[in-house]
Each structure stands twice: as structure tokens, then as C-alpha cells.
């Protein structure tokens, strides 16, 4: 049997990272078995669904590399099919028209709460108290419509819903691939509404019909849908359809173990893109939130697709750990192609300085391979590269100011001449020049380095001096040195 999985988001907002993980797991499971990964946009809630949210979901999935094997299915385009299935269940006697109004149901709930409150009154005998409690439980139990057994409508043309005839006695058994065997007593499930009074299908009906028609063989989703599954199984049974397999994965929790919320960090998948994470970094991190395979910590999507299975999904909720995400993202930054990484980091640099100067872009291109280990996110890389366009001359650090005084500044003046005379500005040539200068003046690099570094970087973090000099080039290095040498600045000349 071909394995067919699906991801079915509602376009009422951005793609949450929990949803992104669900999509990732479904895509990997299909790839592992040579099957198909499908996408369904559940846009039947017209009041809340927006084209912008749909576009954002598709954008986020595309960014993560989660491409469905067929064009997306839009649930709103299938309403006629949903209605036809509900009517077929009415014809077979497995669903019925229910004329109870919302007011009727609310009155029932109110009566049940009143009975429950009455049972708590003082002065009642045990028999009276138990009787009231029993009446309250009956009223507050899952709804069983009086019309399910053929009661006539209250009036000709009265509005009605279509309800599924819920199973009365047979326990509902779920063999969940993650949670294990779970049983729910049938009396805990009410007569589920399939069609509303305006004739539109409900979520529960539409999901089952669409999963069946799309040939879904595995419904892998968050365990917040576990209760829904027990309400959907009777729909499959009423239509005489084979059940797919189900796997309910624990939700992602915050670092403190509570339900994930904005206070734990960004929730939207695209927010992580905007924060400077690589798609492969976020995907690898989401993969490890709830799934494991041996001792391996970091997987590419191709590697995971060779190994992924529901047997590796943990039953306990995973906890969001941004430090771990940073570590994993740093791994992929260091592994990234240099030209691709430059294209990714340039927009973050553009937030700090104009990038229309080809000289600056060339510096960045040459320096980036050596700067990869200086940041776990793209903004951190941009910060690490700041010395390439900013000498920080007007805002020297304390150590830089100290390194540009007295004898150290004199030393910088002596070094300027051989730098000016250098014909070759490669990294190797700059290292040879510094070594020769130190040997000629009986100095160590520990004496020469601080004033030179302070002049060319202003105290900003930077790698070894020889590469920095080569990346900046003769004119920029001499210009930065001259700012600090007496008689060299325009004002003093």
C-alpha cells in the first residue's frame, strides 16, 4: 500500500512552529516509504480564513523545503461532496435530521447545572442528593437527540441540523501509532452535527470526507486532535470506509514545561526566518523536538527521510530550547555554501549600512568563509562582519583607546611605512610583513597587534590581523590608521 500523508492547516493565521513540525513529520514519513505528501487548506471558516494567511502558510512551507507532491486541495471547493456524504448517511439511517435549537440545548445545559447546584444544598438525604446528581449527569451528558429515533419535526419547514447517530454501546478503540491502544466508551460521544442549520458542513465531516477521498493512509497530527479522532471514527464507520492509521504527537511546550506561548519566543515559522535562522537549521531542530534516532543529534532532510518513522516519536511533550536551536543553526551556517550564505546575510547587513558598494560586497565575500564560526544566526554574522565597513573611530572601546596612546601609538606610526610600501596584500603577505616587522624591532605580535587592531577595527570583534588587513586592502587600512596618527587627520593637516 502506498503511504499517503497530509498536512491540513487552517488559514486563519501564520504557520505556527508546531504546525511546521507536523508538516515536516508527514513529509518525511511519506518520503521514507516512497509515498506522497499532500497539502489541504482547510478554508471553510470564511469569517476567519484569509488569502494572506494562506499565502503565508505556503511561503513558510516553501521556505522550509516542505513541498507537497500534488497541488494543494482547498476544502472550500469540496463542500458539495461533504453535503452529499451527509445526505447519504441520512438515507442509510446512520444520520438524521435534528430540530433541536441552540436555545433548546442551552436550556438543557442550564437545567443540568441547576440540578447539580441543587444536589449541593444542605438538608438533603443521601437518596435525594444522589437522585439530583443522577439527573444532572443525564442532562449534561453528551447530547442524544430525541429525533434520532424518528420523532416528527415540530412544524413543517422547521430548521434542522444533520446529526450522526452516535454509537450507543460499542466502545470506540483507537490503535494509535504513538499513544498506543486507547478506548473511549461510546456513551461519551454525542450525536455529532454534520450539517449546520444553514446546510454547511462542519469541520468534523469535511476532514473525514477529504481524508478518505485523498486516499490518506496515515493521519499524523498533534495530540490536541485526539478527542476529535474518536468523534471522526464513527463517521468512517457510518460511510463504510476503511480507517486510516492514526498517530497523535505530543505538542511542543515552552522551556518551563507550560503550553507554548509568545512569551517563550517566536511562534510563527516565518518569524524565525526574519530572526536570521536558516530553513535547514529550523527544520533539523523541529525534527529533534519529539523524534530521535540513535545518538545522532543533527540531520539534514535527506538523512532524516532515510530513517524517519513514527516508532521514533516520543510520547512526552518536547520543550522549546532556543539555545539548542542556535547551536543547530550554527552548525548549518558553517556548512552552508559561501555564495548562498552571502546572499542570506546581505539583507541583515543592509539594515546596518548600505550594501550598494561593490568594494564592501567583495570584502564580505572574501571574509565570510572565515567568519562562519562567529555567529549562530544571520544577524550575529552581520555583527561579526561589522569591522569590514565600520572602523568605529568615533566610538572606540576602552581597550582600543588604551591601545592608541603613548608608545603604542608610536609603534603604529612605525608600522605604517612598511604597510604603505607593501606590494602584495594577500593574507600570507600580510602575515610575513607583521612577522618581519616584529623581528626587525625585537617585538612580539602581542606588542604590535593591539594598536594595529584598535586602529583598523576600533575595538570591534575581528579575526586574526593578517586576514583583516588583506580583506580591508591597502587604502582602507592606511585610511583607518591615519585617523589616529598625529598630523595625519584632515583637521591637523
Protein backbone atom coordinates (compact mmCIF):
# COMPACT_ATOMS: atom_id res chain seq x y z
CA UNK A 1 0.00 0.00 0.00
CA UNK A 2 1.31 3.44 -0.95
CA UNK A 3 1.80 5.64 2.13
CA UNK A 4 -0.07 8.93 1.71
CA UNK A 5 0.16 11.60 4.39
CA UNK A 6 -1.21 15.10 4.58
CA UNK A 7 -0.84 18.41 6.34
CA UNK A 8 -4.11 20.30 6.75
CA UNK A 9 -3.69 23.83 8.17
CA UNK A 10 -6.49 26.35 8.63
CA UNK A 11 -5.57 29.69 7.01
CA UNK A 12 -6.61 31.81 9.97
CA UNK A 13 -3.10 32.96 10.86
CA UNK A 14 0.59 32.29 10.37
CA UNK A 15 2.09 28.80 10.29
CA UNK A 16 2.89 28.02 13.92
CA UNK A 17 6.13 26.11 14.54
CA UNK A 18 4.04 23.27 15.96
CA UNK A 19 2.22 23.07 12.63
CA UNK A 20 5.54 23.25 10.79
CA UNK A 21 6.77 20.26 12.78
CA UNK A 22 3.60 18.33 11.91
CA UNK A 23 4.10 19.12 8.23
CA UNK A 24 7.75 18.07 8.50
CA UNK A 25 6.91 14.72 10.11
CA UNK A 26 4.27 13.99 7.47
CA UNK A 27 6.60 14.89 4.61
CA UNK A 28 9.42 12.73 5.97
CA UNK A 29 7.14 9.77 6.61
CA UNK A 30 5.90 9.85 3.01
CA UNK A 31 9.45 10.18 1.65
CA UNK A 32 10.71 7.33 3.82
CA UNK A 33 8.18 4.96 2.25
CA UNK A 34 8.26 6.34 -1.29
CA UNK A 35 4.73 7.65 -0.90
CA UNK A 36 3.01 11.01 -1.28
CA UNK A 37 2.82 14.07 0.94
CA UNK A 38 -0.30 16.16 0.32
CA UNK A 39 -1.45 19.58 1.46
CA UNK A 40 -5.03 20.56 2.21
CA UNK A 41 -6.02 24.13 3.05
CA UNK A 42 -8.99 23.91 5.41
CA UNK A 43 -10.56 27.23 4.49
CA UNK A 44 -14.24 26.57 5.18
CA UNK A 45 -14.30 29.13 8.03
CA UNK A 46 -14.91 32.09 5.74
CA UNK A 47 -15.13 34.55 8.64
CA UNK A 48 -11.56 33.83 9.75
CA UNK A 49 -9.76 32.41 6.71
CA UNK A 50 -7.81 34.94 4.65
CA UNK A 51 -5.85 34.80 1.40
CA UNK A 52 -2.96 36.47 3.23
CA UNK A 53 -2.80 33.66 5.79
CA UNK A 54 -2.95 31.05 3.02
CA UNK A 55 -0.09 32.77 1.21
CA UNK A 56 1.93 32.95 4.44
CA UNK A 57 1.45 29.22 5.09
CA UNK A 58 2.55 28.33 1.57
CA UNK A 59 5.51 30.70 1.85
CA UNK A 60 6.61 29.16 5.15
CA UNK A 61 6.37 25.61 3.81
CA UNK A 62 8.27 26.56 0.68
CA UNK A 63 10.98 28.21 2.81
CA UNK A 64 11.34 25.04 4.90
CA UNK A 65 11.55 22.89 1.78
CA UNK A 66 8.30 21.05 2.51
CA UNK A 67 6.85 20.75 -0.97
CA UNK A 68 3.64 18.70 -1.41
CA UNK A 69 3.65 16.13 -4.18
CA UNK A 70 0.42 17.49 -5.67
CA UNK A 71 -1.20 20.94 -5.84
CA UNK A 72 -2.95 21.96 -2.61
CA UNK A 73 -6.55 20.89 -2.09
CA UNK A 74 -8.85 23.68 -0.93
CA UNK A 75 -11.53 22.34 1.35
CA UNK A 76 -14.00 25.09 0.46
CA UNK A 77 -14.10 23.77 -3.12
CA UNK A 78 -15.40 20.41 -1.90
CA UNK A 79 -18.49 21.50 0.05
CA UNK A 80 -20.90 19.80 -2.35
CA UNK A 81 -19.12 16.50 -1.77
CA UNK A 82 -19.31 16.93 2.00
CA UNK A 83 -23.05 17.64 1.85
CA UNK A 84 -23.63 14.64 -0.42
CA UNK A 85 -21.94 12.35 2.11
CA UNK A 86 -24.06 13.72 4.97
CA UNK A 87 -27.23 13.14 2.97
CA UNK A 88 -26.08 9.62 2.12
CA UNK A 89 -25.79 8.90 5.84
CA UNK A 90 -29.32 10.22 6.38
CA UNK A 91 -30.59 7.90 3.63
CA UNK A 92 -28.85 4.92 5.24
CA UNK A 93 -30.28 5.76 8.66
CA UNK A 94 -26.86 6.45 10.15
CA UNK A 95 -27.55 10.15 10.40
CA UNK A 96 -30.78 12.06 10.97
CA UNK A 97 -32.37 15.49 10.91
CA UNK A 98 -32.41 17.08 14.34
CA UNK A 99 -34.74 20.01 15.07
CA UNK A 100 -33.27 20.97 18.43
CA UNK A 101 -32.34 24.64 18.53
CA UNK A 102 -29.40 26.22 20.29
CA UNK A 103 -31.90 27.58 22.80
CA UNK A 104 -33.17 24.05 23.46
CA UNK A 105 -29.68 22.75 24.07
CA UNK A 106 -28.78 25.69 26.29
CA UNK A 107 -31.93 25.12 28.31
CA UNK A 108 -30.88 21.51 28.79
CA UNK A 109 -27.40 22.57 29.96
CA UNK A 110 -28.91 25.17 32.30
CA UNK A 111 -31.25 22.57 33.76
CA UNK A 112 -28.35 20.21 34.31
CA UNK A 113 -26.31 22.87 36.10
CA UNK A 114 -29.35 23.73 38.23
CA UNK A 115 -29.74 20.07 39.24
CA UNK A 116 -26.02 19.92 40.04
CA UNK A 117 -26.29 23.01 42.23
CA UNK A 118 -29.42 21.68 43.95
CA UNK A 119 -27.59 18.48 44.87
CA UNK A 120 -25.16 20.56 46.92
CA UNK A 121 -27.85 22.09 49.13
CA UNK A 122 -27.93 21.41 52.83
CA UNK A 123 -30.68 19.32 54.41
CA UNK A 124 -30.91 16.68 51.67
CA UNK A 125 -30.92 13.00 52.34
CA UNK A 126 -28.36 10.84 50.58
CA UNK A 127 -31.10 9.44 48.34
CA UNK A 128 -32.25 12.93 47.33
CA UNK A 129 -28.71 14.07 46.70
CA UNK A 130 -27.88 11.05 44.55
CA UNK A 131 -31.11 11.45 42.57
CA UNK A 132 -30.33 15.08 41.78
CA UNK A 133 -26.77 14.23 40.81
CA UNK A 134 -28.04 11.48 38.52
CA UNK A 135 -30.47 13.87 36.84
CA UNK A 136 -27.71 16.45 36.41
CA UNK A 137 -25.38 13.91 34.80
CA UNK A 138 -28.10 12.80 32.40
CA UNK A 139 -28.78 16.37 31.31
CA UNK A 140 -25.10 17.28 31.00
CA UNK A 141 -24.05 14.04 29.30
CA UNK A 142 -23.20 14.03 25.56
CA UNK A 143 -26.26 15.11 23.62
CA UNK A 144 -28.64 12.42 22.38
CA UNK A 145 -31.33 13.93 20.19
CA UNK A 146 -34.96 12.89 20.63
CA UNK A 147 -35.25 12.96 16.80
CA UNK A 148 -32.63 10.25 16.30
CA UNK A 149 -35.39 7.59 16.58
CA UNK A 150 -37.82 9.18 14.18
CA UNK A 151 -39.74 11.80 16.19
CA UNK A 152 -41.65 14.10 13.77
CA UNK A 153 -40.47 17.67 13.19
CA UNK A 154 -42.05 20.29 15.45
CA UNK A 155 -43.52 22.17 12.47
CA UNK A 156 -43.42 21.92 8.68
CA UNK A 157 -40.31 23.60 7.30
CA UNK A 158 -38.66 23.87 10.73
CA UNK A 159 -34.86 24.38 10.52
CA UNK A 160 -32.72 21.38 11.35
CA UNK A 161 -29.19 20.15 11.60
CA UNK A 162 -28.00 16.81 10.30
CA UNK A 163 -26.51 14.75 13.11
CA UNK A 164 -24.60 11.49 13.11
CA UNK A 165 -26.27 8.72 15.05
CA UNK A 166 -23.57 8.20 17.67
CA UNK A 167 -22.75 4.62 18.72
CA UNK A 168 -24.59 3.74 21.92
CA UNK A 169 -22.93 0.66 23.33
CA UNK A 170 -19.84 -0.39 21.39
CA UNK A 171 -16.59 1.07 22.81
CA UNK A 172 -14.52 3.02 20.30
CA UNK A 173 -11.00 1.58 20.02
CA UNK A 174 -8.04 3.51 18.65
CA UNK A 175 -4.74 1.79 17.92
CA UNK A 176 -2.63 4.92 17.89
CA UNK A 177 0.88 4.57 16.44
CA UNK A 178 2.32 6.92 19.07
CA UNK A 179 -0.03 6.84 22.03
CA UNK A 180 -0.79 3.11 21.91
CA UNK A 181 -4.16 1.47 22.42
CA UNK A 182 -6.87 3.85 23.69
CA UNK A 183 -10.53 3.07 24.31
CA UNK A 184 -13.39 5.53 24.71
CA UNK A 185 -16.82 4.46 25.79
CA UNK A 186 -19.40 5.19 23.11
CA UNK A 187 -21.74 6.95 25.53
CA UNK A 188 -19.12 9.72 25.87
CA UNK A 189 -19.66 10.75 22.23
CA UNK A 190 -22.67 12.88 21.36
CA UNK A 191 -24.79 12.98 18.21
CA UNK A 192 -22.25 14.90 16.18
CA UNK A 193 -23.50 17.69 13.91
CA UNK A 194 -22.57 17.04 10.29
CA UNK A 195 -24.53 19.83 8.61
CA UNK A 196 -25.48 23.11 10.28
CA UNK A 197 -28.93 24.65 10.00
CA UNK A 198 -27.72 26.68 7.00
CA UNK A 199 -26.73 23.44 5.26
CA UNK A 200 -22.96 23.95 5.51
CA UNK A 201 -20.75 21.05 6.58
CA UNK A 202 -18.89 21.01 9.87
CA UNK A 203 -15.15 20.57 10.30
CA UNK A 204 -15.56 17.01 11.60
CA UNK A 205 -17.42 15.87 8.49
CA UNK A 206 -15.23 17.70 5.99
CA UNK A 207 -12.00 16.33 7.45
CA UNK A 208 -13.15 12.72 7.24
CA UNK A 209 -14.54 13.03 3.71
CA UNK A 210 -11.43 14.78 2.45
CA UNK A 211 -9.02 12.35 4.09
CA UNK A 212 -10.92 9.46 2.56
CA UNK A 213 -11.15 10.97 -0.91
CA UNK A 214 -7.47 11.98 -0.88
CA UNK A 215 -6.54 8.40 -0.03
CA UNK A 216 -4.80 9.34 3.23
CA UNK A 217 -3.32 6.23 4.83
CA UNK A 218 -1.82 7.88 7.93
CA UNK A 219 -3.28 10.82 9.83
CA UNK A 220 -0.33 12.19 11.79
CA UNK A 221 -1.23 15.27 13.82
CA UNK A 222 -0.98 16.87 17.25
CA UNK A 223 -2.47 15.10 20.26
CA UNK A 224 -4.83 18.05 20.74
CA UNK A 225 -6.84 16.30 18.00
CA UNK A 226 -7.08 13.02 19.90
CA UNK A 227 -10.64 13.70 21.09
CA UNK A 228 -11.60 14.65 17.52
CA UNK A 229 -10.39 11.29 16.27
CA UNK A 230 -12.88 9.46 18.49
CA UNK A 231 -15.65 11.63 17.04
CA UNK A 232 -14.45 11.05 13.48
CA UNK A 233 -14.10 7.27 13.62
CA UNK A 234 -17.92 6.80 13.74
CA UNK A 235 -18.19 8.87 10.53
CA UNK A 236 -15.83 6.47 8.75
CA UNK A 237 -17.92 3.59 10.07
CA UNK A 238 -21.19 5.21 9.01
CA UNK A 239 -19.84 5.58 5.46
CA UNK A 240 -18.42 2.01 5.47
CA UNK A 241 -14.95 3.41 4.82
CA UNK A 242 -11.69 1.83 5.95
CA UNK A 243 -9.95 3.74 8.72
CA UNK A 244 -6.55 5.26 8.07
CA UNK A 245 -3.84 4.76 10.67
CA UNK A 246 -3.59 7.48 13.30
CA UNK A 247 -0.57 8.91 15.09
CA UNK A 248 -1.00 11.72 17.60
CA UNK A 249 2.20 13.52 18.53
CA UNK A 250 2.61 15.46 21.81
CA UNK A 251 2.56 19.22 21.48
CA UNK A 252 5.61 21.44 21.87
CA UNK A 253 5.82 23.06 25.30
CA UNK A 254 7.77 26.08 26.48
CA UNK A 255 11.09 25.76 28.25
CA UNK A 256 9.25 25.83 31.59
CA UNK A 257 7.02 22.91 30.60
CA UNK A 258 3.89 25.01 30.15
CA UNK A 259 1.84 25.38 26.98
CA UNK A 260 3.83 27.16 24.29
CA UNK A 261 3.02 30.87 24.06
CA UNK A 262 4.54 34.10 22.77
CA UNK A 263 6.47 34.60 25.99
CA UNK A 264 8.57 31.54 25.13
CA UNK A 265 9.77 33.04 21.84
CA UNK A 266 8.58 33.42 18.28
CA UNK A 267 5.72 31.15 17.30
CA UNK A 268 5.37 31.90 13.60
CA UNK A 269 7.63 29.89 11.32
CA UNK A 270 8.44 32.91 9.16
CA UNK A 271 9.38 34.86 12.29
CA UNK A 272 12.36 32.52 12.62
CA UNK A 273 13.35 33.33 9.05
CA UNK A 274 13.17 37.02 9.90
CA UNK A 275 15.27 36.38 13.02
CA UNK A 276 18.04 35.00 10.83
CA UNK A 277 17.69 31.24 11.08
CA UNK A 278 18.36 29.01 8.08
CA UNK A 279 15.48 26.79 6.94
CA UNK A 280 17.60 23.67 7.29
CA UNK A 281 18.56 24.76 10.80
CA UNK A 282 14.97 25.22 11.94
CA UNK A 283 13.86 22.00 10.22
CA UNK A 284 16.64 20.00 11.89
CA UNK A 285 15.70 21.48 15.25
CA UNK A 286 11.97 20.80 14.82
CA UNK A 287 12.81 17.23 13.84
CA UNK A 288 14.53 16.71 17.18
CA UNK A 289 11.54 18.13 19.06
CA UNK A 290 9.85 14.83 19.65
CA UNK A 291 11.74 12.42 17.39
CA UNK A 292 15.06 10.68 17.80
CA UNK A 293 17.17 8.06 16.09
CA UNK A 294 20.11 6.58 17.93
CA UNK A 295 22.70 9.05 19.18
CA UNK A 296 22.69 11.31 16.12
CA UNK A 297 21.82 14.89 17.04
CA UNK A 298 21.64 16.73 13.71
CA UNK A 299 20.04 15.54 10.48
CA UNK A 300 19.59 17.01 7.04
CA UNK A 301 16.17 16.44 5.49
CA UNK A 302 17.68 13.86 3.14
CA UNK A 303 19.24 11.99 6.03
CA UNK A 304 16.02 12.10 8.05
CA UNK A 305 13.97 10.86 5.09
CA UNK A 306 16.03 7.67 5.10
CA UNK A 307 15.31 7.00 8.77
CA UNK A 308 12.09 8.66 9.91
CA UNK A 309 9.37 6.52 11.42
CA UNK A 310 6.59 7.00 13.95
CA UNK A 311 8.30 4.47 16.21
CA UNK A 312 10.91 7.15 16.95
CA UNK A 313 8.36 9.74 18.12
CA UNK A 314 8.37 10.33 21.86
CA UNK A 315 5.20 10.24 23.94
CA UNK A 316 6.30 13.07 26.22
CA UNK A 317 5.93 16.71 25.10
CA UNK A 318 9.07 18.32 23.73
CA UNK A 319 10.33 21.60 25.19
CA UNK A 320 11.36 24.60 23.14
CA UNK A 321 15.04 25.37 23.76
CA UNK A 322 16.32 28.38 21.82
CA UNK A 323 19.91 27.74 22.89
CA UNK A 324 19.74 24.32 21.25
CA UNK A 325 18.17 25.87 18.16
CA UNK A 326 21.06 28.35 17.98
CA UNK A 327 23.61 25.55 18.23
CA UNK A 328 21.97 23.55 15.45
CA UNK A 329 21.56 26.62 13.27
CA UNK A 330 25.23 27.48 13.79
CA UNK A 331 26.13 24.03 12.51
CA UNK A 332 24.25 24.66 9.27
CA UNK A 333 25.68 28.17 8.89
CA UNK A 334 29.19 26.70 8.98
CA UNK A 335 28.16 24.04 6.45
CA UNK A 336 26.40 26.49 4.09
CA UNK A 337 27.67 27.29 0.61
CA UNK A 338 29.58 30.58 0.78
CA UNK A 339 27.75 32.32 -2.07
CA UNK A 340 24.35 31.29 -0.72
CA UNK A 341 25.28 32.44 2.77
CA UNK A 342 26.42 35.81 1.44
CA UNK A 343 23.04 36.29 -0.24
CA UNK A 344 21.28 35.42 3.01
CA UNK A 345 23.35 37.69 5.24
CA UNK A 346 23.36 40.77 2.98
CA UNK A 347 19.79 41.85 3.89
CA UNK A 348 20.78 41.85 7.57
CA UNK A 349 23.87 43.90 6.79
CA UNK A 350 21.70 46.27 4.75
CA UNK A 351 19.83 47.05 7.96
CA UNK A 352 23.11 48.49 9.30
CA UNK A 353 24.85 50.01 6.28
CA UNK A 354 24.21 50.47 2.54
CA UNK A 355 25.39 47.47 0.53
CA UNK A 356 25.46 49.05 -2.93
CA UNK A 357 29.26 49.45 -2.71
CA UNK A 358 30.89 46.59 -4.68
CA UNK A 359 34.10 47.03 -2.68
CA UNK A 360 32.23 46.23 0.55
CA UNK A 361 30.44 43.25 -1.02
CA UNK A 362 33.79 41.92 -2.23
CA UNK A 363 35.24 42.27 1.27
CA UNK A 364 32.29 40.36 2.65
CA UNK A 365 32.65 37.64 0.03
CA UNK A 366 36.32 37.14 0.91
CA UNK A 367 35.85 37.29 4.67
CA UNK A 368 32.67 35.27 5.11
CA UNK A 369 34.25 31.79 4.99
CA UNK A 370 36.41 32.78 7.97
CA UNK A 371 33.53 34.45 9.85
CA UNK A 372 31.14 31.48 9.74
CA UNK A 373 32.10 30.29 13.19
CA UNK A 374 31.44 33.73 14.71
CA UNK A 375 27.66 33.57 14.67
CA UNK A 376 24.80 31.14 15.08
CA UNK A 377 22.28 33.36 13.27
CA UNK A 378 22.49 35.71 10.30
CA UNK A 379 22.26 38.87 12.47
CA UNK A 380 25.15 37.54 14.56
CA UNK A 381 27.15 37.05 11.36
CA UNK A 382 26.31 40.62 10.34
CA UNK A 383 27.59 41.84 13.70
CA UNK A 384 30.77 39.80 13.32
CA UNK A 385 31.39 41.43 9.93
CA UNK A 386 30.82 45.00 11.12
CA UNK A 387 34.54 45.83 11.17
CA UNK A 388 34.56 45.45 7.38
CA UNK A 389 32.62 48.69 6.92
CA UNK A 390 32.92 50.42 10.28
CA UNK A 391 36.22 51.49 11.86
CA UNK A 392 34.33 52.53 14.98
CA UNK A 393 36.65 55.58 15.18
CA UNK A 394 34.07 57.79 16.90
CA UNK A 395 33.14 55.20 19.49
CA UNK A 396 36.31 53.33 20.42
CA UNK A 397 36.11 50.71 23.10
CA UNK A 398 38.01 51.27 26.33
CA UNK A 399 40.73 48.80 25.32
CA UNK A 400 41.04 50.38 21.87
CA UNK A 401 41.53 53.86 23.35
CA UNK A 402 44.18 52.47 25.67
CA UNK A 403 45.97 50.77 22.77
CA UNK A 404 46.19 54.03 20.79
CA UNK A 405 48.18 56.08 23.32
CA UNK A 406 51.85 56.78 24.01
CA UNK A 407 54.41 54.26 22.89
CA UNK A 408 51.77 52.01 21.35
CA UNK A 409 50.63 54.81 19.05
CA UNK A 410 54.27 55.50 18.13
CA UNK A 411 54.60 51.84 17.24
CA UNK A 412 51.58 52.11 14.95
CA UNK A 413 53.25 55.06 13.21
CA UNK A 414 56.38 52.99 12.55
CA UNK A 415 54.28 50.16 11.13
CA UNK A 416 52.51 52.44 8.67
CA UNK A 417 55.53 52.83 6.38
CA UNK A 418 56.07 49.11 5.61
CA UNK A 419 52.34 48.70 5.14
CA UNK A 420 52.32 51.58 2.66
CA UNK A 421 55.27 50.08 0.83
CA UNK A 422 53.80 46.57 0.56
CA UNK A 423 53.14 45.40 -3.00
CA UNK A 424 51.27 42.22 -2.06
CA UNK A 425 48.19 42.36 0.16
CA UNK A 426 47.33 38.69 0.40
CA UNK A 427 46.83 37.11 3.80
CA UNK A 428 50.18 35.34 3.55
CA UNK A 429 51.98 38.54 2.59
CA UNK A 430 50.42 40.46 5.47
CA UNK A 431 51.46 37.75 7.92
CA UNK A 432 55.02 37.81 6.58
CA UNK A 433 55.09 41.62 6.87
CA UNK A 434 53.96 41.54 10.52
CA UNK A 435 56.49 38.79 11.34
CA UNK A 436 59.31 40.71 9.68
CA UNK A 437 58.40 43.96 11.44
CA UNK A 438 58.36 42.21 14.82
CA UNK A 439 61.74 40.56 14.13
CA UNK A 440 63.32 43.80 12.92
CA UNK A 441 62.27 45.75 16.02
CA UNK A 442 62.66 42.90 18.54
CA UNK A 443 58.93 42.96 19.25
CA UNK A 444 56.23 40.34 19.67
CA UNK A 445 52.90 40.26 17.92
CA UNK A 446 51.42 40.81 21.38
CA UNK A 447 53.01 44.28 21.33
CA UNK A 448 52.31 45.16 17.72
CA UNK A 449 48.85 43.68 17.46
CA UNK A 450 46.80 45.79 19.93
CA UNK A 451 47.39 49.26 18.40
CA UNK A 452 47.00 47.92 14.86
CA UNK A 453 43.84 46.04 15.72
CA UNK A 454 42.44 49.07 17.56
CA UNK A 455 43.08 51.29 14.54
CA UNK A 456 41.58 49.01 11.90
CA UNK A 457 38.60 47.73 13.93
CA UNK A 458 38.03 50.34 16.63
CA UNK A 459 37.77 47.51 19.11
CA UNK A 460 35.02 45.70 17.21
CA UNK A 461 35.36 41.89 17.26
CA UNK A 462 37.53 40.71 14.36
CA UNK A 463 39.58 37.63 13.41
CA UNK A 464 43.38 37.44 13.12
CA UNK A 465 45.14 40.59 11.90
CA UNK A 466 46.62 39.27 8.66
CA UNK A 467 43.24 38.29 7.19
CA UNK A 468 41.66 41.54 8.37
CA UNK A 469 44.36 43.59 6.64
CA UNK A 470 44.04 41.59 3.43
CA UNK A 471 40.23 41.87 3.38
CA UNK A 472 40.25 45.61 4.01
CA UNK A 473 43.01 46.37 1.49
CA UNK A 474 45.76 48.97 1.42
CA UNK A 475 43.68 52.16 1.05
CA UNK A 476 41.19 51.31 3.79
CA UNK A 477 43.85 50.12 6.25
CA UNK A 478 46.03 53.21 5.78
CA UNK A 479 42.99 55.48 6.00
CA UNK A 480 41.96 53.91 9.29
CA UNK A 481 45.49 54.16 10.69
CA UNK A 482 45.81 57.82 9.66
CA UNK A 483 42.72 58.76 11.64
CA UNK A 484 44.69 58.09 14.83
CA UNK A 485 48.20 59.29 13.92
CA UNK A 486 49.08 62.89 14.86
CA UNK A 487 49.32 65.12 11.81
CA UNK A 488 47.57 62.59 9.60
CA UNK A 489 43.94 63.65 10.01
CA UNK A 490 42.50 66.30 7.67
CA UNK A 491 41.95 68.68 10.61
CA UNK A 492 45.62 68.56 11.65
CA UNK A 493 46.96 68.73 8.11
